[in-house]
Protein backbone atom coordinates (compact mmCIF):
# COMPACT_ATOMS: atom_id res chain seq x y z
CA UNK A 1 48.70 54.93 56.69
CA UNK A 2 51.33 52.62 55.24
CA UNK A 3 50.54 48.99 55.61
CA UNK A 4 52.45 46.78 57.70
CA UNK A 5 55.03 44.72 56.33
CA UNK A 6 54.66 40.96 56.85
CA UNK A 7 57.37 39.47 58.96
CA UNK A 8 60.35 38.12 57.19
CA UNK A 9 60.58 34.36 56.52
CA UNK A 10 63.01 31.83 58.76
CA UNK A 11 65.03 31.32 55.03
CA UNK A 12 65.53 34.86 54.49
CA UNK A 13 66.61 35.60 58.25
CA UNK A 14 69.14 32.30 58.35
CA UNK A 15 70.58 33.90 54.70
CA UNK A 16 70.96 37.64 56.67
CA UNK A 17 72.89 35.46 59.47
CA UNK A 18 75.06 33.54 57.46
CA UNK A 19 76.21 36.90 55.57
CA UNK A 20 76.66 38.48 58.93
CA UNK A 21 78.29 35.19 60.08
CA UNK A 22 80.77 35.41 56.78
CA UNK A 23 82.05 38.76 57.73
CA UNK A 24 79.84 40.97 56.06
CA UNK A 25 78.42 43.77 58.55
CA UNK A 26 74.61 44.40 59.35
CA UNK A 27 74.65 47.86 57.89
CA UNK A 28 76.28 46.10 54.44
CA UNK A 29 73.39 44.10 54.24
CA UNK A 30 71.06 46.56 55.34
CA UNK A 31 71.90 48.90 52.71
CA UNK A 32 71.34 46.13 50.09
CA UNK A 33 68.44 44.28 51.84
CA UNK A 34 65.40 45.88 53.37
CA UNK A 35 65.77 44.79 57.00
CA UNK A 36 67.42 47.54 59.16
CA UNK A 37 70.90 46.72 60.33
CA UNK A 38 69.86 46.69 64.15
CA UNK A 39 67.29 43.96 63.25
CA UNK A 40 69.65 41.62 61.23
CA UNK A 41 72.36 42.16 64.33
CA UNK A 42 69.42 40.98 66.81
CA UNK A 43 68.83 37.80 64.44
CA UNK A 44 72.60 37.29 64.00
CA UNK A 45 72.81 37.44 68.53
CA UNK A 46 69.77 35.43 68.63
CA UNK A 47 71.08 32.79 66.10
CA UNK A 48 74.42 32.42 67.70
CA UNK A 49 73.04 32.03 71.50
CA UNK A 50 71.51 28.44 70.95
CA UNK A 51 74.80 27.19 69.78
CA UNK A 52 76.41 28.65 72.67
CA UNK A 53 79.15 30.95 70.69
CA UNK A 54 77.49 34.32 72.13
CA UNK A 55 79.87 34.59 75.48
CA UNK A 56 77.12 37.56 77.14
CA UNK A 57 74.05 35.66 76.81
CA UNK A 58 72.61 32.38 77.99
CA UNK A 59 72.41 29.29 75.46
CA UNK A 60 68.50 28.07 75.43
CA UNK A 61 69.92 25.17 78.15
CA UNK A 62 71.09 28.09 80.47
CA UNK A 63 67.69 29.76 80.26
CA UNK A 64 65.95 26.42 80.62
CA UNK A 65 67.92 25.72 83.83
CA UNK A 66 67.47 29.24 85.27
CA UNK A 67 63.74 28.57 84.78
CA UNK A 68 63.84 25.44 86.51
CA UNK A 69 66.07 26.94 89.15
CA UNK A 70 63.69 29.76 90.07
CA UNK A 71 60.41 27.50 89.94
CA UNK A 72 62.34 24.92 92.37
CA UNK A 73 63.37 28.34 94.84
CA UNK A 74 60.08 29.55 94.76
CA UNK A 75 58.47 26.06 95.83
CA UNK A 76 61.40 25.61 98.63
CA UNK A 77 60.61 29.01 100.02
CA UNK A 78 56.72 28.13 100.21
CA UNK A 79 57.44 24.91 101.77
CA UNK A 80 60.05 27.04 104.58
CA UNK A 81 57.44 29.37 105.14
CA UNK A 82 54.78 26.48 105.76
CA UNK A 83 57.34 24.59 107.93
CA UNK A 84 58.35 27.78 109.88
CA UNK A 85 54.47 28.19 110.66
CA UNK A 86 53.67 24.74 111.66
CA UNK A 87 56.93 24.85 113.82
CA UNK A 88 55.09 27.97 115.75
CA UNK A 89 51.82 26.27 115.95
CA UNK A 90 53.68 23.26 117.52
CA UNK A 91 55.76 25.02 119.88
CA UNK A 92 52.45 27.22 121.18
CA UNK A 93 50.79 23.49 121.66
CA UNK A 94 53.70 21.91 123.67
CA UNK A 95 53.62 25.26 125.81
CA UNK A 96 49.79 24.91 126.85
CA UNK A 97 50.60 21.08 127.36
CA UNK A 98 53.25 21.90 129.99
CA UNK A 99 51.05 24.82 131.33
CA UNK A 100 48.37 22.43 131.72
CA UNK A 101 45.68 24.45 129.65
CA UNK A 102 44.53 22.93 126.19
CA UNK A 103 44.44 25.42 123.39
CA UNK A 104 42.38 22.84 121.19
């Protein structure tokens, strides 16, 4: 069974991304160097996202904002559910007081 290859260094990945940015295709780089063309393409896409150069993906800042907004929406849904239950409980208490009985 072949041994797994250790991960490529960050410097090597940056060099591959620079070659792609300079106009070289991932397939050309793949033939000359070891990584596959899809791997090199993925490195280039990931490198372009934080800089905001990739139009089909979210930048790092946008991803963080989406995560923050999702947490906020979850919190607001929970608070709304609690308030809805409290309003129903108080409405029941008000009805009980008006009819002369006590529910407590």
